[in-house]
Amino acid sequence: MKTEWCDIHGEPYVIPHPDYVKKFARYIKSDKLRVGVRWLGQSGPDYVNRVFPRDQFFEAVSQDHVQLYSLQKDYSQEGLPKHIIDLEIVLDTWEDC
C-alpha cells in the first residue's frame, strides 16, 4: 500500500447514512470513543480458525475511554460483559451491522 505516516490525515473516512444515525441515536449515547464489535462470523469448515476466543477478545478491547457496542447477530446467547451494550435486538439486517 505504501502508506506513510504523513498520508494519514486523521479525518473521518466512514460516514454513516443519516437513516442509521436516526435509528441508533437512542442506543448510542456516549461521549467516549464508540466502537462496535463482532467476534464470531460464519460457521463451517472454511471458518474453523476464524473465531477469536470470546473472553480474550473482550479483555483486549475493553478500555476506560471506549464504549463498546455488540454488533453480534445470532450467536450472542452466552451473554456479554456488563460494560458492552448489546444492539442485537435492533439489528434487523446485515447492513445494520
PDB file of N, CA and C in Angstrom:
ATOM      1  N   MET A   1       0.816  -1.191   0.000  1.00  0.00           N
ATOM      2  CA  MET A   1       0.000   0.000   0.000  1.00  0.00           C
ATOM      3  C   MET A   1       0.860   1.255   0.000  1.00  0.00           C
ATOM      4  N   LYS A   2       2.052   1.158   0.513  1.00  0.00           N
ATOM      5  CA  LYS A   2       2.972   2.290   0.525  1.00  0.00           C
ATOM      6  C   LYS A   2       2.414   3.514   1.241  1.00  0.00           C
ATOM      7  N   THR A   3       1.640   3.281   2.271  1.00  0.00           N
ATOM      8  CA  THR A   3       1.092   4.387   3.053  1.00  0.00           C
ATOM      9  C   THR A   3       2.146   4.862   4.038  1.00  0.00           C
ATOM     10  N   GLU A   4       2.363   6.137   4.073  1.00  0.00           N
ATOM     11  CA  GLU A   4       3.302   6.751   5.004  1.00  0.00           C
ATOM     12  C   GLU A   4       2.517   7.477   6.089  1.00  0.00           C
ATOM     13  N   TRP A   5       3.155   7.709   7.222  1.00  0.00           N
ATOM     14  CA  TRP A   5       2.507   8.406   8.331  1.00  0.00           C
ATOM     15  C   TRP A   5       1.927   9.739   7.876  1.00  0.00           C
ATOM     16  N   CYS A   6       2.639  10.470   7.044  1.00  0.00           N
ATOM     17  CA  CYS A   6       2.173  11.781   6.585  1.00  0.00           C
ATOM     18  C   CYS A   6       0.923  11.680   5.704  1.00  0.00           C
ATOM     19  N   ASP A   7       0.636  10.484   5.170  1.00  0.00           N
ATOM     20  CA  ASP A   7      -0.557  10.285   4.333  1.00  0.00           C
ATOM     21  C   ASP A   7      -1.831  10.115   5.164  1.00  0.00           C
ATOM     22  N   ILE A   8      -1.679   9.873   6.445  1.00  0.00           N
ATOM     23  CA  ILE A   8      -2.833   9.649   7.313  1.00  0.00           C
ATOM     24  C   ILE A   8      -3.255  10.996   7.881  1.00  0.00           C
ATOM     25  N   HIS A   9      -4.377  11.495   7.409  1.00  0.00           N
ATOM     26  CA  HIS A   9      -4.780  12.868   7.726  1.00  0.00           C
ATOM     27  C   HIS A   9      -5.661  12.987   8.963  1.00  0.00           C
ATOM     28  N   GLY A  10      -6.166  11.891   9.507  1.00  0.00           N
ATOM     29  CA  GLY A  10      -6.953  11.952  10.735  1.00  0.00           C
ATOM     30  C   GLY A  10      -8.397  12.376  10.551  1.00  0.00           C
ATOM     31  N   GLU A  11      -8.838  12.558   9.344  1.00  0.00           N
ATOM     32  CA  GLU A  11     -10.230  12.927   9.075  1.00  0.00           C
ATOM     33  C   GLU A  11     -11.084  11.663   9.022  1.00  0.00           C
ATOM     34  N   PRO A  12     -12.361  11.763   9.395  1.00  0.00           N
ATOM     35  CA  PRO A  12     -13.242  10.589   9.302  1.00  0.00           C
ATOM     36  C   PRO A  12     -13.324  10.077   7.862  1.00  0.00           C
ATOM     37  N   TYR A  13     -13.313   8.774   7.712  1.00  0.00           N
ATOM     38  CA  TYR A  13     -13.435   8.180   6.384  1.00  0.00           C
ATOM     39  C   TYR A  13     -14.627   7.237   6.285  1.00  0.00           C
ATOM     40  N   VAL A  14     -15.271   6.970   7.398  1.00  0.00           N
ATOM     41  CA  VAL A  14     -16.505   6.185   7.400  1.00  0.00           C
ATOM     42  C   VAL A  14     -17.607   7.119   7.871  1.00  0.00           C
ATOM     43  N   ILE A  15     -18.546   7.396   6.999  1.00  0.00           N
ATOM     44  CA  ILE A  15     -19.634   8.320   7.309  1.00  0.00           C
ATOM     45  C   ILE A  15     -20.946   7.527   7.317  1.00  0.00           C
ATOM     46  N   PRO A  16     -21.662   7.515   8.437  1.00  0.00           N
ATOM     47  CA  PRO A  16     -22.908   6.743   8.497  1.00  0.00           C
ATOM     48  C   PRO A  16     -24.027   7.399   7.691  1.00  0.00           C
ATOM     49  N   HIS A  17     -24.886   6.577   7.161  1.00  0.00           N
ATOM     50  CA  HIS A  17     -26.068   7.064   6.449  1.00  0.00           C
ATOM     51  C   HIS A  17     -26.992   7.733   7.470  1.00  0.00           C
ATOM     52  N   PRO A  18     -27.592   8.868   7.146  1.00  0.00           N
ATOM     53  CA  PRO A  18     -28.467   9.581   8.089  1.00  0.00           C
ATOM     54  C   PRO A  18     -29.595   8.722   8.672  1.00  0.00           C
ATOM     55  N   ASP A  19     -30.124   7.779   7.891  1.00  0.00           N
ATOM     56  CA  ASP A  19     -31.184   6.902   8.409  1.00  0.00           C
ATOM     57  C   ASP A  19     -30.682   6.042   9.570  1.00  0.00           C
ATOM     58  N   TYR A  20     -29.442   5.575   9.465  1.00  0.00           N
ATOM     59  CA  TYR A  20     -28.872   4.761  10.534  1.00  0.00           C
ATOM     60  C   TYR A  20     -28.533   5.609  11.756  1.00  0.00           C
ATOM     61  N   VAL A  21     -28.099   6.832  11.530  1.00  0.00           N
ATOM     62  CA  VAL A  21     -27.834   7.739  12.651  1.00  0.00           C
ATOM     63  C   VAL A  21     -29.111   7.920  13.457  1.00  0.00           C
ATOM     64  N   LYS A  22     -30.212   8.142  12.753  1.00  0.00           N
ATOM     65  CA  LYS A  22     -31.501   8.329  13.420  1.00  0.00           C
ATOM     66  C   LYS A  22     -31.939   7.046  14.144  1.00  0.00           C
ATOM     67  N   LYS A  23     -31.785   5.905  13.484  1.00  0.00           N
ATOM     68  CA  LYS A  23     -32.222   4.631  14.051  1.00  0.00           C
ATOM     69  C   LYS A  23     -31.481   4.289  15.348  1.00  0.00           C
ATOM     70  N   PHE A  24     -30.186   4.537  15.391  1.00  0.00           N
ATOM     71  CA  PHE A  24     -29.377   4.113  16.527  1.00  0.00           C
ATOM     72  C   PHE A  24     -29.107   5.211  17.550  1.00  0.00           C
ATOM     73  N   ALA A  25     -29.571   6.418  17.312  1.00  0.00           N
ATOM     74  CA  ALA A  25     -29.256   7.557  18.191  1.00  0.00           C
ATOM     75  C   ALA A  25     -29.644   7.311  19.643  1.00  0.00           C
ATOM     76  N   ARG A  26     -30.771   6.689  19.882  1.00  0.00           N
ATOM     77  CA  ARG A  26     -31.200   6.493  21.274  1.00  0.00           C
ATOM     78  C   ARG A  26     -30.428   5.391  21.987  1.00  0.00           C
ATOM     79  N   TYR A  27     -29.724   4.548  21.247  1.00  0.00           N
ATOM     80  CA  TYR A  27     -28.951   3.463  21.845  1.00  0.00           C
ATOM     81  C   TYR A  27     -27.486   3.828  22.031  1.00  0.00           C
ATOM     82  N   ILE A  28     -27.002   4.719  21.192  1.00  0.00           N
ATOM     83  CA  ILE A  28     -25.582   5.070  21.208  1.00  0.00           C
ATOM     84  C   ILE A  28     -25.429   6.471  21.769  1.00  0.00           C
ATOM     85  N   LYS A  29     -25.400   6.538  23.091  1.00  0.00           N
ATOM     86  CA  LYS A  29     -25.314   7.825  23.790  1.00  0.00           C
ATOM     87  C   LYS A  29     -24.081   7.803  24.682  1.00  0.00           C
ATOM     88  N   SER A  30     -22.964   8.120  24.146  1.00  0.00           N
ATOM     89  CA  SER A  30     -21.751   8.132  24.950  1.00  0.00           C
ATOM     90  C   SER A  30     -20.812   9.196  24.426  1.00  0.00           C
ATOM     91  N   ASP A  31     -20.104   9.826  25.339  1.00  0.00           N
ATOM     92  CA  ASP A  31     -19.077  10.783  24.947  1.00  0.00           C
ATOM     93  C   ASP A  31     -17.738  10.090  24.726  1.00  0.00           C
ATOM     94  N   LYS A  32     -17.690   8.806  25.035  1.00  0.00           N
ATOM     95  CA  LYS A  32     -16.462   8.036  24.841  1.00  0.00           C
ATOM     96  C   LYS A  32     -16.299   7.685  23.361  1.00  0.00           C
ATOM     97  N   LEU A  33     -15.152   7.163  23.024  1.00  0.00           N
ATOM     98  CA  LEU A  33     -14.932   6.606  21.703  1.00  0.00           C
ATOM     99  C   LEU A  33     -15.880   5.422  21.567  1.00  0.00           C
ATOM    100  N   ARG A  34     -16.691   5.404  20.524  1.00  0.00           N
ATOM    101  CA  ARG A  34     -17.707   4.363  20.358  1.00  0.00           C
ATOM    102  C   ARG A  34     -17.217   3.339  19.341  1.00  0.00           C
ATOM    103  N   VAL A  35     -17.187   2.084  19.775  1.00  0.00           N
ATOM    104  CA  VAL A  35     -16.647   1.017  18.940  1.00  0.00           C
ATOM    105  C   VAL A  35     -17.634  -0.141  18.904  1.00  0.00           C
ATOM    106  N   GLY A  36     -18.018  -0.545  17.691  1.00  0.00           N
ATOM    107  CA  GLY A  36     -18.868  -1.715  17.509  1.00  0.00           C
ATOM    108  C   GLY A  36     -18.003  -2.938  17.270  1.00  0.00           C
ATOM    109  N   VAL A  37     -18.340  -4.056  17.910  1.00  0.00           N
ATOM    110  CA  VAL A  37     -17.525  -5.263  17.798  1.00  0.00           C
ATOM    111  C   VAL A  37     -18.366  -6.471  17.400  1.00  0.00           C
ATOM    112  N   ARG A  38     -17.717  -7.347  16.644  1.00  0.00           N
ATOM    113  CA  ARG A  38     -18.239  -8.675  16.310  1.00  0.00           C
ATOM    114  C   ARG A  38     -17.089  -9.643  16.517  1.00  0.00           C
ATOM    115  N   TRP A  39     -17.341 -10.762  17.147  1.00  0.00           N
ATOM    116  CA  TRP A  39     -16.268 -11.711  17.429  1.00  0.00           C
ATOM    117  C   TRP A  39     -16.521 -13.072  16.804  1.00  0.00           C
ATOM    118  N   LEU A  40     -17.676 -13.282  16.217  1.00  0.00           N
ATOM    119  CA  LEU A  40     -17.982 -14.537  15.526  1.00  0.00           C
ATOM    120  C   LEU A  40     -18.426 -14.232  14.108  1.00  0.00           C
ATOM    121  N   GLY A  41     -18.043 -15.105  13.213  1.00  0.00           N
ATOM    122  CA  GLY A  41     -18.501 -14.988  11.836  1.00  0.00           C
ATOM    123  C   GLY A  41     -19.326 -16.204  11.484  1.00  0.00           C
ATOM    124  N   GLN A  42     -19.211 -16.617  10.272  1.00  0.00           N
ATOM    125  CA  GLN A  42     -19.965 -17.770   9.809  1.00  0.00           C
ATOM    126  C   GLN A  42     -19.381 -19.055  10.381  1.00  0.00           C
ATOM    127  N   SER A  43     -20.220 -20.080  10.443  1.00  0.00           N
ATOM    128  CA  SER A  43     -19.728 -21.387  10.869  1.00  0.00           C
ATOM    129  C   SER A  43     -19.461 -22.230   9.628  1.00  0.00           C
ATOM    130  N   GLY A  44     -18.748 -23.302   9.797  1.00  0.00           N
ATOM    131  CA  GLY A  44     -18.438 -24.186   8.687  1.00  0.00           C
ATOM    132  C   GLY A  44     -16.948 -24.436   8.601  1.00  0.00           C
ATOM    133  N   PRO A  45     -16.565 -25.433   7.807  1.00  0.00           N
ATOM    134  CA  PRO A  45     -15.150 -25.828   7.746  1.00  0.00           C
ATOM    135  C   PRO A  45     -14.208 -24.722   7.257  1.00  0.00           C
ATOM    136  N   ASP A  46     -14.676 -23.843   6.409  1.00  0.00           N
ATOM    137  CA  ASP A  46     -13.814 -22.768   5.909  1.00  0.00           C
ATOM    138  C   ASP A  46     -13.543 -21.696   6.955  1.00  0.00           C
ATOM    139  N   TYR A  47     -14.286 -21.707   8.053  1.00  0.00           N
ATOM    140  CA  TYR A  47     -14.192 -20.644   9.052  1.00  0.00           C
ATOM    141  C   TYR A  47     -13.724 -21.143  10.419  1.00  0.00           C
ATOM    142  N   VAL A  48     -13.244 -22.381  10.484  1.00  0.00           N
ATOM    143  CA  VAL A  48     -12.906 -23.007  11.761  1.00  0.00           C
ATOM    144  C   VAL A  48     -11.919 -22.175  12.577  1.00  0.00           C
ATOM    145  N   ASN A  49     -10.900 -21.653  11.986  1.00  0.00           N
ATOM    146  CA  ASN A  49      -9.868 -20.922  12.726  1.00  0.00           C
ATOM    147  C   ASN A  49     -10.078 -19.413  12.705  1.00  0.00           C
ATOM    148  N   ARG A  50     -11.289 -18.972  12.485  1.00  0.00           N
ATOM    149  CA  ARG A  50     -11.570 -17.542  12.419  1.00  0.00           C
ATOM    150  C   ARG A  50     -12.359 -17.028  13.614  1.00  0.00           C
ATOM    151  N   VAL A  51     -12.434 -17.806  14.655  1.00  0.00           N
ATOM    152  CA  VAL A  51     -13.148 -17.385  15.860  1.00  0.00           C
ATOM    153  C   VAL A  51     -12.118 -16.986  16.904  1.00  0.00           C
ATOM    154  N   PHE A  52     -12.212 -15.745  17.349  1.00  0.00           N
ATOM    155  CA  PHE A  52     -11.308 -15.260  18.393  1.00  0.00           C
ATOM    156  C   PHE A  52     -11.903 -15.661  19.735  1.00  0.00           C
ATOM    157  N   PRO A  53     -11.104 -16.194  20.653  1.00  0.00           N
ATOM    158  CA  PRO A  53     -11.653 -16.570  21.963  1.00  0.00           C
ATOM    159  C   PRO A  53     -12.361 -15.384  22.621  1.00  0.00           C
ATOM    160  N   ARG A  54     -13.609 -15.566  22.907  1.00  0.00           N
ATOM    161  CA  ARG A  54     -14.501 -14.507  23.372  1.00  0.00           C
ATOM    162  C   ARG A  54     -13.963 -13.728  24.565  1.00  0.00           C
ATOM    163  N   ASP A  55     -13.581 -14.406  25.629  1.00  0.00           N
ATOM    164  CA  ASP A  55     -13.116 -13.712  26.832  1.00  0.00           C
ATOM    165  C   ASP A  55     -11.828 -12.936  26.578  1.00  0.00           C
ATOM    166  N   GLN A  56     -10.924 -13.519  25.811  1.00  0.00           N
ATOM    167  CA  GLN A  56      -9.682 -12.816  25.472  1.00  0.00           C
ATOM    168  C   GLN A  56      -9.969 -11.590  24.615  1.00  0.00           C
ATOM    169  N   PHE A  57     -10.914 -11.720  23.715  1.00  0.00           N
ATOM    170  CA  PHE A  57     -11.281 -10.596  22.855  1.00  0.00           C
ATOM    171  C   PHE A  57     -11.820  -9.437  23.691  1.00  0.00           C
ATOM    172  N   PHE A  58     -12.769  -9.727  24.578  1.00  0.00           N
ATOM    173  CA  PHE A  58     -13.358  -8.669  25.410  1.00  0.00           C
ATOM    174  C   PHE A  58     -12.305  -8.005  26.287  1.00  0.00           C
ATOM    175  N   GLU A  59     -11.401  -8.808  26.824  1.00  0.00           N
ATOM    176  CA  GLU A  59     -10.337  -8.242  27.654  1.00  0.00           C
ATOM    177  C   GLU A  59      -9.432  -7.326  26.826  1.00  0.00           C
ATOM    178  N   ALA A  60      -9.135  -7.727  25.607  1.00  0.00           N
ATOM    179  CA  ALA A  60      -8.233  -6.948  24.752  1.00  0.00           C
ATOM    180  C   ALA A  60      -8.839  -5.626  24.298  1.00  0.00           C
ATOM    181  N   VAL A  61     -10.140  -5.596  24.057  1.00  0.00           N
ATOM    182  CA  VAL A  61     -10.753  -4.378  23.504  1.00  0.00           C
ATOM    183  C   VAL A  61     -11.372  -3.466  24.554  1.00  0.00           C
ATOM    184  N   SER A  62     -11.435  -3.895  25.787  1.00  0.00           N
ATOM    185  CA  SER A  62     -12.060  -3.081  26.836  1.00  0.00           C
ATOM    186  C   SER A  62     -11.079  -2.031  27.360  1.00  0.00           C
ATOM    187  N   GLN A  63     -11.449  -0.774  27.230  1.00  0.00           N
ATOM    188  CA  GLN A  63     -10.638   0.354  27.685  1.00  0.00           C
ATOM    189  C   GLN A  63     -11.566   1.354  28.368  1.00  0.00           C
ATOM    190  N   ASP A  64     -11.066   2.094  29.343  1.00  0.00           N
ATOM    191  CA  ASP A  64     -11.896   3.056  30.074  1.00  0.00           C
ATOM    192  C   ASP A  64     -12.459   4.162  29.186  1.00  0.00           C
ATOM    193  N   HIS A  65     -11.725   4.548  28.157  1.00  0.00           N
ATOM    194  CA  HIS A  65     -12.152   5.657  27.298  1.00  0.00           C
ATOM    195  C   HIS A  65     -12.992   5.196  26.104  1.00  0.00           C
ATOM    196  N   VAL A  66     -13.370   3.907  26.088  1.00  0.00           N
ATOM    197  CA  VAL A  66     -14.099   3.327  24.956  1.00  0.00           C
ATOM    198  C   VAL A  66     -15.425   2.749  25.430  1.00  0.00           C
ATOM    199  N   GLN A  67     -16.503   3.057  24.704  1.00  0.00           N
ATOM    200  CA  GLN A  67     -17.797   2.401  24.929  1.00  0.00           C
ATOM    201  C   GLN A  67     -17.960   1.364  23.834  1.00  0.00           C
ATOM    202  N   LEU A  68     -18.090   0.107  24.220  1.00  0.00           N
ATOM    203  CA  LEU A  68     -18.233  -0.978  23.254  1.00  0.00           C
ATOM    204  C   LEU A  68     -19.698  -1.301  23.017  1.00  0.00           C
ATOM    205  N   TYR A  69     -20.001  -1.605  21.760  1.00  0.00           N
ATOM    206  CA  TYR A  69     -21.346  -1.996  21.348  1.00  0.00           C
ATOM    207  C   TYR A  69     -21.238  -3.324  20.618  1.00  0.00           C
ATOM    208  N   SER A  70     -22.049  -4.289  21.016  1.00  0.00           N
ATOM    209  CA  SER A  70     -22.043  -5.577  20.344  1.00  0.00           C
ATOM    210  C   SER A  70     -22.876  -5.490  19.075  1.00  0.00           C
ATOM    211  N   LEU A  71     -22.245  -5.827  17.957  1.00  0.00           N
ATOM    212  CA  LEU A  71     -22.930  -5.917  16.669  1.00  0.00           C
ATOM    213  C   LEU A  71     -23.104  -7.381  16.277  1.00  0.00           C
ATOM    214  N   GLN A  72     -22.944  -8.256  17.253  1.00  0.00           N
ATOM    215  CA  GLN A  72     -23.065  -9.684  17.007  1.00  0.00           C
ATOM    216  C   GLN A  72     -24.530 -10.039  16.789  1.00  0.00           C
ATOM    217  N   LYS A  73     -24.777 -10.850  15.791  1.00  0.00           N
ATOM    218  CA  LYS A  73     -26.138 -11.263  15.481  1.00  0.00           C
ATOM    219  C   LYS A  73     -26.192 -12.788  15.504  1.00  0.00           C
ATOM    220  N   ASP A  74     -27.187 -13.329  16.140  1.00  0.00           N
ATOM    221  CA  ASP A  74     -27.494 -14.762  16.128  1.00  0.00           C
ATOM    222  C   ASP A  74     -26.688 -15.632  17.086  1.00  0.00           C
ATOM    223  N   TYR A  75     -25.535 -15.202  17.548  1.00  0.00           N
ATOM    224  CA  TYR A  75     -24.707 -16.087  18.366  1.00  0.00           C
ATOM    225  C   TYR A  75     -24.305 -15.475  19.701  1.00  0.00           C
ATOM    226  N   SER A  76     -25.059 -14.546  20.221  1.00  0.00           N
ATOM    227  CA  SER A  76     -24.628 -13.884  21.454  1.00  0.00           C
ATOM    228  C   SER A  76     -25.365 -14.397  22.696  1.00  0.00           C
ATOM    229  N   GLN A  77     -25.850 -15.633  22.653  1.00  0.00           N
ATOM    230  CA  GLN A  77     -26.614 -16.170  23.767  1.00  0.00           C
ATOM    231  C   GLN A  77     -25.788 -16.313  25.044  1.00  0.00           C
ATOM    232  N   GLU A  78     -24.483 -16.338  24.933  1.00  0.00           N
ATOM    233  CA  GLU A  78     -23.639 -16.538  26.104  1.00  0.00           C
ATOM    234  C   GLU A  78     -23.654 -15.349  27.052  1.00  0.00           C
ATOM    235  N   GLY A  79     -24.189 -14.245  26.632  1.00  0.00           N
ATOM    236  CA  GLY A  79     -24.192 -13.056  27.475  1.00  0.00           C
ATOM    237  C   GLY A  79     -22.947 -12.226  27.261  1.00  0.00           C
ATOM    238  N   LEU A  80     -23.069 -10.978  27.580  1.00  0.00           N
ATOM    239  CA  LEU A  80     -21.974 -10.035  27.383  1.00  0.00           C
ATOM    240  C   LEU A  80     -21.529  -9.464  28.721  1.00  0.00           C
ATOM    241  N   PRO A  81     -20.279  -9.039  28.804  1.00  0.00           N
ATOM    242  CA  PRO A  81     -19.878  -8.289  29.991  1.00  0.00           C
ATOM    243  C   PRO A  81     -20.770  -7.052  30.127  1.00  0.00           C
ATOM    244  N   LYS A  82     -20.990  -6.607  31.339  1.00  0.00           N
ATOM    245  CA  LYS A  82     -21.937  -5.510  31.595  1.00  0.00           C
ATOM    246  C   LYS A  82     -21.571  -4.201  30.911  1.00  0.00           C
ATOM    247  N   HIS A  83     -20.304  -3.988  30.623  1.00  0.00           N
ATOM    248  CA  HIS A  83     -19.889  -2.721  30.020  1.00  0.00           C
ATOM    249  C   HIS A  83     -20.081  -2.682  28.504  1.00  0.00           C
ATOM    250  N   ILE A  84     -20.532  -3.782  27.905  1.00  0.00           N
ATOM    251  CA  ILE A  84     -20.776  -3.818  26.462  1.00  0.00           C
ATOM    252  C   ILE A  84     -22.276  -3.731  26.222  1.00  0.00           C
ATOM    253  N   ILE A  85     -22.690  -2.778  25.412  1.00  0.00           N
ATOM    254  CA  ILE A  85     -24.108  -2.578  25.115  1.00  0.00           C
ATOM    255  C   ILE A  85     -24.492  -3.468  23.938  1.00  0.00           C
ATOM    256  N   ASP A  86     -25.481  -4.318  24.158  1.00  0.00           N
ATOM    257  CA  ASP A  86     -25.927  -5.272  23.147  1.00  0.00           C
ATOM    258  C   ASP A  86     -26.948  -4.616  22.228  1.00  0.00           C
ATOM    259  N   LEU A  87     -26.634  -4.541  20.947  1.00  0.00           N
ATOM    260  CA  LEU A  87     -27.546  -3.940  19.969  1.00  0.00           C
ATOM    261  C   LEU A  87     -28.272  -4.986  19.125  1.00  0.00           C
ATOM    262  N   GLU A  88     -28.166  -6.250  19.499  1.00  0.00           N
ATOM    263  CA  GLU A  88     -28.750  -7.311  18.673  1.00  0.00           C
ATOM    264  C   GLU A  88     -30.234  -7.097  18.379  1.00  0.00           C
ATOM    265  N   ILE A  89     -30.999  -6.629  19.345  1.00  0.00           N
ATOM    266  CA  ILE A  89     -32.445  -6.503  19.126  1.00  0.00           C
ATOM    267  C   ILE A  89     -32.801  -5.437  18.095  1.00  0.00           C
ATOM    268  N   VAL A  90     -31.889  -4.532  17.790  1.00  0.00           N
ATOM    269  CA  VAL A  90     -32.187  -3.501  16.785  1.00  0.00           C
ATOM    270  C   VAL A  90     -31.451  -3.738  15.473  1.00  0.00           C
ATOM    271  N   LEU A  91     -30.745  -4.853  15.362  1.00  0.00           N
ATOM    272  CA  LEU A  91     -30.047  -5.186  14.124  1.00  0.00           C
ATOM    273  C   LEU A  91     -30.983  -6.014  13.252  1.00  0.00           C
ATOM    274  N   ASP A  92     -31.696  -5.332  12.378  1.00  0.00           N
ATOM    275  CA  ASP A  92     -32.685  -6.013  11.538  1.00  0.00           C
ATOM    276  C   ASP A  92     -32.059  -6.721  10.344  1.00  0.00           C
ATOM    277  N   THR A  93     -31.027  -6.137   9.776  1.00  0.00           N
ATOM    278  CA  THR A  93     -30.383  -6.699   8.591  1.00  0.00           C
ATOM    279  C   THR A  93     -28.873  -6.687   8.795  1.00  0.00           C
ATOM    280  N   TRP A  94     -28.153  -7.367   7.912  1.00  0.00           N
ATOM    281  CA  TRP A  94     -26.694  -7.348   7.979  1.00  0.00           C
ATOM    282  C   TRP A  94     -26.154  -5.953   7.709  1.00  0.00           C
ATOM    283  N   GLU A  95     -26.897  -5.147   6.988  1.00  0.00           N
ATOM    284  CA  GLU A  95     -26.460  -3.768   6.744  1.00  0.00           C
ATOM    285  C   GLU A  95     -26.434  -2.962   8.034  1.00  0.00           C
ATOM    286  N   ASP A  96     -27.265  -3.320   9.007  1.00  0.00           N
ATOM    287  CA  ASP A  96     -27.260  -2.637  10.300  1.00  0.00           C
ATOM    288  C   ASP A  96     -25.953  -2.874  11.047  1.00  0.00           C
ATOM    289  N   CYS A  97     -25.324  -4.014  10.791  1.00  0.00           N
ATOM    290  CA  CYS A  97     -24.078  -4.350  11.484  1.00  0.00           C
ATOM    291  C   CYS A  97     -22.945  -3.571  10.878  1.00  0.00           C
TER     292      CYS A  97
END
